[in-house]
Amino acid sequence: MVTWQSEKGDIFYDKFGDYDEAAALFQDLINNHGDKDGWLHYRLALAHEMQEDYLNAAKAYEIVATQFRTPPLDSFALSGVERCFKKNYQDYVATVNGFPFTRLELDDIMTKSAMLAQRGEQAVIDQMILQRLIYINALAENVDDTKDFREGKDKIRREFYLAEVHNVNVVAEAEPTEKEMEEYYKDNKEDFVLREDVRGKEIIVESDSLARFLLDSLQRDIESFDTLAKLYSTAPSKRGGGNMGVVYRGTRPEPIDEVLFSTEVNTLTDIVSLDDKYAIFYVLSHQPKRYREYETVKNQIRTSVRAENTKEREEELTKQLRRKAKVKIHKDVVRNPVESEDKLAAVVNEREIRASDVIARNQSQMRMAQIDVSDSEAFEQLLNTIIDENLKLEYAERNKYFLNDGYTVKMKDQIHGLMENGLYKKIVIEGVTVDSQEILEYYNEHKAEYRVPETVRARELVVTSKERAQELHQILVADPEQFDTLAREYSIAPTKTDGGKTGIIRRGMRSGTFENNVFSLKVGEVSDIFSETDSTFTICLLMEHEPETYRTVEEMRRMIESTLLRQEHNTVATEYLDTIKERADIEIFLEPVQEESPGEPNQ
């Protein structure tokens, strides 16, 4: 009886969101049967918190925290106590219809969000008040009883359940132990090797005699190395006084490698011949091959081991759930999923998954993540993903993961978001329409914006000699077909490579001289010779001419409708917010900021 009543309360709390009924059931169970492990009081506290009865929620959480100190229940309860304490704190900064916002809540928001903190306390309080007004009006409009809300809540619930299963059964168990990390270090020690290296300086010159002179100078005064390197070396390192930085074994040509790694520290080498160059080196340090200490790479190891453990735990969880489940995959449907859309693709613990469910899931994914559902192998892979998710959801429900602290807090925030979206849709989106007359009026008022300017397509031939222009003009007037050939041969314009084609030219793009000579031509007509600059002569052939026109109202209908709807949405939303603010009993208890008078000393 107790178990059934508890299950009934869970259904009202988690599935139906009926917190009043859930609280009544849990309280009745406690009154009549007691609470042997604290979970009934914790359920009661959650229901009270969702009812916004923070005082009774705090009392129930406190009973759990003080009388039932078993993990993870104790930490869940302490988290609930902290949340309710912030709401029950008596230092109010504002109230909305008697619902309080406390100083602790405000400080918590300001601390967690630097962006909000920059806006100041008044701006944050205004936002808190607005969110509250939207929520209570969404309740008044029965948004939580709409199909969109229910579907949205189910989707979020599903996502949170899967996340909780992953966090509890994979992430939490994947955290590596000290022993695991030490073993990983021993097994993968070569990953943490530090190669043998030297640090030193170099001077490279192209003359044997100069190299000998420099070697002699350095043997007498090694402190002059930097100066001599800057003066004489031809290597890029000369700017740094010949400093080579770190040199690892095997990264330099073999003759240099042998010399560098066989020379003692603080020793000058002999001259090393390199084809037509000569080098002198001074070795400053030599580190043998070695391994990074365990403590210095511990965080790196932790990340690697955690990743391996996560993969193993995820695979093991999937296998474990599959072993205990009854899963039947219909291979005939998998082999030909597109033509079997209405047929059963799989049955998981008596839950049916149709081919259409897999196809719908694929379509809901981002385009880049979508598969070709006609590919049976890809289809089966996605089907198995859905099967595994269903098994995890069943596991989460069996283990009451909706009681987990992380789930509770996130779900509460998401419900408020769904309520806000639902209210916006009901009041703003569904309350606004645009008719054809409004579209036509807007079109006429903004017709200038839909002007399509006059354009031409032409060929041009530009030369620097008037005489040449006259010769070519005479040929082109007689035979315009030769324009392509002559433009390629004689034109100096960039368009010559394409036979003088200008592309589309809108009125206003070229000079007035060009427009006067070209826009007035008939299609197929050759222009007179004209000059756009003092040193050039241009001939054009008009290929196409489109007069100025306007896009039709039908062409612009969708864009205009979208614009009008957006404007009306903004208007309706603003008016609605103003109305609910006016109707509400809002009190703000922030002390006004005192501005200092000019010249007034700080106290």
Foldseek 3Di string as FASTA:
>chain_A
DLVVLLVVLLCCVQPVVNLVVSLVSLVVCCVPPNDDALVSLLSNLLSCVSVVVLVSSLVSLVCCLPPHPDPPSNVLSVVSNVVSCQQPPPAFQKDWQNRTHHPSNLVVVLVVDVVVVVVPSVVVVVVVNLLVLLLVVLVVVVLCVDPLLSVLLVVVLLVLLVVLLLVPQFLVVLQDDPVVLVVVCVVPQVVFKDAKKFWWFKAKAQDPVVLVVVVVVCVVPVVCQLVCLLVGGPDPCNVVSRTPGIDGQPPDPPQVSVQQQVDDAQDKTHWDDDPRMIMIMHIHDIDHMDGDDCVVCVVVSSVVSSVVRSVVSVVVVLVVLVVPKDKDADVVCLQAVVVQQVHFGMAINNRTDGSVNLVVVLVPDDPVPHDDSRPSVVSVVSVSVVNSSVSSSVVSVVVVVCSPSVNSVVSSVVSSVSSSVSSLCVQQVVVDADDPVNLVVVCVVPQVVQKDFKKFKKFKAKAQDPVVVVVVVVVCQVPVVCQQVCRLVGGPDPCNVVSRIPPIDGPPRADPQCCVFAQPDDAQHKTDWDDPDPRMIMIMHTHDIDHMDGDDSVVCVVVSRVVVSVVRSVVSVVVVSVVSVVVIDMDGDDDDDDDDDVPDDDD
